Amino acid sequence: MEKKRDGNSFELHTDIHDKLNIYKAIRRVFAWDVLMMALLGTMTFIPNLVSVSAPVAWALRIVLLIFCGLFAIPMAKYSSLVKYLKEESKTFE
């Protein structure tokens, strides 16, 4: 594929449904990461499962919470993009 130099970026997926499918897949990846971080965090509360001291367990929980938040931000961004594209696709049907 070729494109003239006009200063605009090249977009391969220009159809709304293509973009919607891509953003849904990306959102699913981030949602899976958030779910795994949350499950790891809840596992630290199960007695006799974590064999570290209480301060280390709390430090681990804080680190997991930070990573969960870092993955939740893009997940929310892509969720809003998916919602916007769904609304946009209804207007073109």
Protein backbone atom coordinates (compact mmCIF):
# COMPACT_ATOMS: atom_id res chain seq x y z
CA MET A 1 0.00 0.00 0.00
CA GLU A 2 1.19 3.46 -0.82
CA LYS A 3 0.15 6.85 0.43
CA LYS A 4 0.95 10.32 -0.78
CA ARG A 5 2.90 12.56 1.55
CA ASP A 6 0.23 14.87 2.84
CA GLY A 7 1.31 15.18 6.48
CA ASN A 8 -1.47 12.93 7.80
CA SER A 9 -0.87 9.60 9.48
CA PHE A 10 -1.58 6.37 7.64
CA GLU A 11 -4.46 4.34 9.05
CA LEU A 12 -4.80 0.76 7.91
CA HIS A 13 -8.10 0.04 9.71
CA THR A 14 -10.39 2.88 8.75
CA ASP A 15 -13.72 1.09 9.15
CA ILE A 16 -15.46 1.69 12.49
CA HIS A 17 -16.10 -2.02 12.98
CA ASP A 18 -12.40 -2.81 12.45
CA LYS A 19 -11.40 -0.23 15.03
CA LEU A 20 -14.07 -1.50 17.39
CA ASN A 21 -12.76 -5.07 17.18
CA ILE A 22 -9.17 -3.96 17.76
CA TYR A 23 -10.07 -1.81 20.76
CA LYS A 24 -12.17 -4.61 22.24
CA ALA A 25 -9.21 -6.99 22.01
CA ILE A 26 -6.89 -4.47 23.65
CA ARG A 27 -9.44 -3.77 26.38
CA ARG A 28 -9.79 -7.50 27.01
CA VAL A 29 -6.02 -7.81 27.57
CA PHE A 30 -6.00 -4.98 30.11
CA ALA A 31 -9.11 -6.35 31.84
CA TRP A 32 -7.43 -9.75 32.15
CA ASP A 33 -4.36 -8.09 33.69
CA VAL A 34 -6.49 -6.17 36.19
CA LEU A 35 -8.34 -9.36 37.12
CA MET A 36 -5.09 -11.28 37.66
CA MET A 37 -3.62 -8.50 39.83
CA ALA A 38 -6.80 -8.37 41.89
CA LEU A 39 -6.77 -12.16 42.35
CA LEU A 40 -3.12 -12.09 43.40
CA GLY A 41 -3.93 -9.34 45.87
CA THR A 42 -6.81 -11.27 47.39
CA MET A 43 -4.67 -14.39 47.65
CA THR A 44 -2.34 -12.52 50.01
CA PHE A 45 -5.21 -12.28 52.51
CA ILE A 46 -5.68 -16.06 52.71
CA PRO A 47 -4.01 -17.33 55.88
CA ASN A 48 -1.11 -19.80 55.56
CA LEU A 49 -0.83 -19.12 51.83
CA VAL A 50 1.80 -16.38 52.01
CA SER A 51 4.87 -17.43 53.96
CA VAL A 52 6.30 -13.95 54.49
CA SER A 53 6.03 -11.56 57.40
CA ALA A 54 3.09 -9.19 57.72
CA PRO A 55 4.98 -6.02 56.65
CA VAL A 56 6.30 -7.77 53.53
CA ALA A 57 2.78 -9.03 52.75
CA TRP A 58 1.41 -5.49 53.02
CA ALA A 59 4.21 -4.19 50.80
CA LEU A 60 3.30 -6.87 48.25
CA ARG A 61 -0.37 -5.84 48.44
CA ILE A 62 0.56 -2.20 47.84
CA VAL A 63 2.72 -3.09 44.85
CA LEU A 64 -0.08 -5.22 43.40
CA LEU A 65 -2.55 -2.39 43.97
CA ILE A 66 -0.28 0.04 42.12
CA PHE A 67 0.11 -2.33 39.18
CA CYS A 68 -3.62 -2.98 39.17
CA GLY A 69 -4.22 0.77 38.95
CA LEU A 70 -1.67 1.13 36.16
CA PHE A 71 -3.50 -1.50 34.13
CA ALA A 72 -6.95 -0.13 35.03
CA ILE A 73 -6.24 3.31 33.55
CA PRO A 74 -5.76 2.10 29.94
CA MET A 75 -8.60 -0.37 30.40
CA ALA A 76 -10.93 2.53 31.25
CA LYS A 77 -9.59 4.51 28.28
CA TYR A 78 -10.23 1.68 25.84
CA SER A 79 -13.65 1.00 27.40
CA SER A 80 -14.66 4.59 26.71
CA LEU A 81 -13.32 4.30 23.15
CA VAL A 82 -15.33 1.11 22.62
CA LYS A 83 -18.45 2.78 23.98
CA TYR A 84 -17.90 5.80 21.72
CA LEU A 85 -17.34 3.63 18.63
CA LYS A 86 -20.45 1.57 19.41
CA GLU A 87 -22.50 4.76 19.53
CA GLU A 88 -20.79 5.97 16.36
CA SER A 89 -21.50 2.72 14.52
CA LYS A 90 -25.19 2.99 15.35
CA THR A 91 -25.35 6.32 13.55
CA PHE A 92 -23.80 4.85 10.39
CA GLU A 93 -26.14 1.85 10.17
